[in-house]
Amino acid sequence: MNTIIKTLIIFFISIISGYAQNNISGYILDESNKPLEFANVILHSATSKEIVTGVISSESGFYKIENVENGNYYLEISVLGFKLKRSDAFLIENNSKTFDFNLAEDVLDEIVITHKRPVISKRPRN
C-alpha cells in the first residue's frame, strides 16, 4: 500500500512539473537604447486578434508575461510619445520567448491653436 501511494505521488509531481509554463519577456528601449518605463505590452491572439493579456514594463524597461498557453500570438507595444510597435506573429509551444523592442519617437510637426474673440464683450459700468 505504501509503495502505491509513493508511486502516485511521484507520478503527480512529474505531471505538475512537466506542465508547460510558457513565458514571454524582454526589454522596451528607445532609439538610443534607454529603457522605456511604463510601456503597455499587449499580447494578442494571432488568429482571432483578441487581447489575451497585457503587462506594463518596469523602470528598467523589462516586461514579463507569464503562463501563456500554447498558440499563435503577436505583441503590441505602446508608450506615450512613441510610435506603436507590433511584432510578427510567433508560435508558443512548450517554450519561452524573448523579444526586445526599440521604439521610435512620435513627434508632432506643429500645433496650431486658434481662438476667436467673442462678438459681444461685457465691460463693467462706472
Protein backbone atom coordinates (compact mmCIF):
# COMPACT_ATOMS: atom_id res chain seq x y z
CA MET A 1 0.00 0.00 0.00
CA ASN A 2 2.83 2.36 0.89
CA THR A 3 4.50 1.69 -2.46
CA ILE A 4 1.33 2.56 -4.38
CA ILE A 5 0.97 5.89 -2.57
CA LYS A 6 4.62 6.77 -3.19
CA THR A 7 4.25 5.84 -6.86
CA LEU A 8 1.14 8.00 -7.21
CA ILE A 9 2.81 10.97 -5.52
CA ILE A 10 5.84 10.72 -7.82
CA PHE A 11 3.53 10.39 -10.82
CA PHE A 12 1.53 13.51 -9.93
CA ILE A 13 4.66 15.54 -9.16
CA SER A 14 6.11 14.62 -12.55
CA ILE A 15 2.88 15.68 -14.29
CA ILE A 16 2.77 19.01 -12.46
CA SER A 17 6.44 19.78 -13.11
CA GLY A 18 6.03 18.77 -16.76
CA TYR A 19 3.24 21.31 -17.26
CA ALA A 20 4.45 23.95 -19.71
CA GLN A 21 4.89 27.35 -18.17
CA ASN A 22 5.44 29.48 -21.25
CA ASN A 23 6.76 32.99 -20.65
CA ILE A 24 7.35 35.96 -22.92
CA SER A 25 9.84 38.56 -21.75
CA GLY A 26 12.19 41.26 -22.95
CA TYR A 27 13.10 44.94 -22.80
CA ILE A 28 11.44 48.05 -24.23
CA LEU A 29 14.03 50.67 -25.23
CA ASP A 30 14.08 53.94 -27.15
CA GLU A 31 16.26 54.61 -30.21
CA SER A 32 19.28 55.43 -28.02
CA ASN A 33 18.83 52.17 -26.04
CA LYS A 34 17.49 53.89 -22.92
CA PRO A 35 14.80 51.90 -21.09
CA LEU A 36 11.18 52.99 -21.51
CA GLU A 37 9.28 52.58 -18.28
CA PHE A 38 5.53 52.02 -18.04
CA ALA A 39 5.20 50.79 -21.64
CA ASN A 40 2.00 48.88 -22.40
CA VAL A 41 2.82 45.38 -23.67
CA ILE A 42 -0.31 43.68 -25.01
CA LEU A 43 -0.44 40.01 -26.07
CA HIS A 44 -2.91 39.33 -28.90
CA SER A 45 -4.08 36.04 -30.35
CA ALA A 46 -2.79 35.91 -33.95
CA THR A 47 -5.86 34.01 -35.14
CA SER A 48 -8.70 35.96 -33.52
CA LYS A 49 -6.86 39.30 -32.97
CA GLU A 50 -8.34 39.40 -29.44
CA ILE A 51 -6.39 40.66 -26.45
CA VAL A 52 -5.17 37.75 -24.34
CA THR A 53 -3.38 39.68 -21.59
CA GLY A 54 -1.10 42.61 -21.00
CA VAL A 55 1.58 43.96 -18.70
CA ILE A 56 3.42 47.23 -18.08
CA SER A 57 7.20 47.45 -18.34
CA SER A 58 9.24 48.21 -15.23
CA GLU A 59 11.52 51.20 -14.63
CA SER A 60 14.31 49.27 -16.37
CA GLY A 61 12.08 48.66 -19.41
CA PHE A 62 11.70 44.95 -18.57
CA TYR A 63 8.42 43.12 -19.10
CA LYS A 64 7.36 39.52 -18.49
CA ILE A 65 4.13 37.79 -19.44
CA GLU A 66 3.80 34.53 -17.54
CA ASN A 67 1.80 31.32 -18.01
CA VAL A 68 0.98 31.79 -21.69
CA GLU A 69 -0.92 28.90 -23.24
CA ASN A 70 0.39 27.25 -26.41
CA GLY A 71 -0.75 29.07 -29.56
CA ASN A 72 -0.02 31.76 -32.14
CA TYR A 73 0.38 35.31 -30.83
CA TYR A 74 1.76 38.76 -31.55
CA LEU A 75 2.79 41.60 -29.25
CA GLU A 76 1.77 45.24 -29.45
CA ILE A 77 3.80 47.85 -27.58
CA SER A 78 2.67 51.42 -26.93
CA VAL A 79 4.15 54.30 -24.97
CA LEU A 80 3.00 57.91 -24.96
CA GLY A 81 5.26 59.93 -27.28
CA PHE A 82 6.46 56.89 -29.25
CA LYS A 83 5.20 55.11 -32.35
CA LEU A 84 3.14 51.96 -31.85
CA LYS A 85 5.19 48.78 -32.42
CA ARG A 86 3.76 45.40 -33.40
CA SER A 87 5.73 42.15 -33.56
CA ASP A 88 5.38 39.50 -36.22
CA ALA A 89 3.23 36.51 -35.32
CA PHE A 90 5.04 33.80 -33.36
CA LEU A 91 4.27 30.33 -32.04
CA ILE A 92 4.44 29.41 -28.37
CA GLU A 93 4.65 25.66 -27.92
CA ASN A 94 6.12 24.49 -24.61
CA ASN A 95 8.84 27.14 -24.66
CA SER A 96 9.60 30.68 -23.60
CA LYS A 97 10.33 33.58 -25.94
CA THR A 98 12.35 36.77 -25.57
CA PHE A 99 11.57 39.89 -27.60
CA ASP A 100 13.38 43.21 -27.21
CA PHE A 101 11.90 46.31 -28.86
CA ASN A 102 13.35 49.68 -29.83
CA LEU A 103 10.65 52.31 -30.26
CA ALA A 104 10.92 55.42 -32.43
CA GLU A 105 9.76 58.79 -31.12
CA ASP A 106 6.48 60.09 -32.50
CA VAL A 107 6.95 63.83 -32.86
CA LEU A 108 4.20 66.21 -33.92
CA ASP A 109 5.11 68.57 -36.78
CA GLU A 110 3.37 71.58 -35.29
CA ILE A 111 0.46 72.53 -33.11
CA VAL A 112 -1.88 75.34 -34.15
CA ILE A 113 -4.14 76.91 -31.55
CA THR A 114 -6.88 79.19 -32.83
CA HIS A 115 -9.12 81.40 -30.77
CA LYS A 116 -11.81 83.84 -31.87
CA ARG A 117 -12.73 86.87 -29.85
CA PRO A 118 -16.31 86.95 -28.73
CA VAL A 119 -18.57 89.28 -30.72
CA ILE A 120 -20.02 90.88 -27.59
CA SER A 121 -17.81 91.81 -24.72
CA LYS A 122 -19.05 92.94 -21.32
CA ARG A 123 -17.42 95.89 -19.67
CA PRO A 124 -18.20 96.98 -16.15
CA ARG A 125 -20.04 100.30 -15.82
CA ASN A 126 -18.56 103.04 -13.73
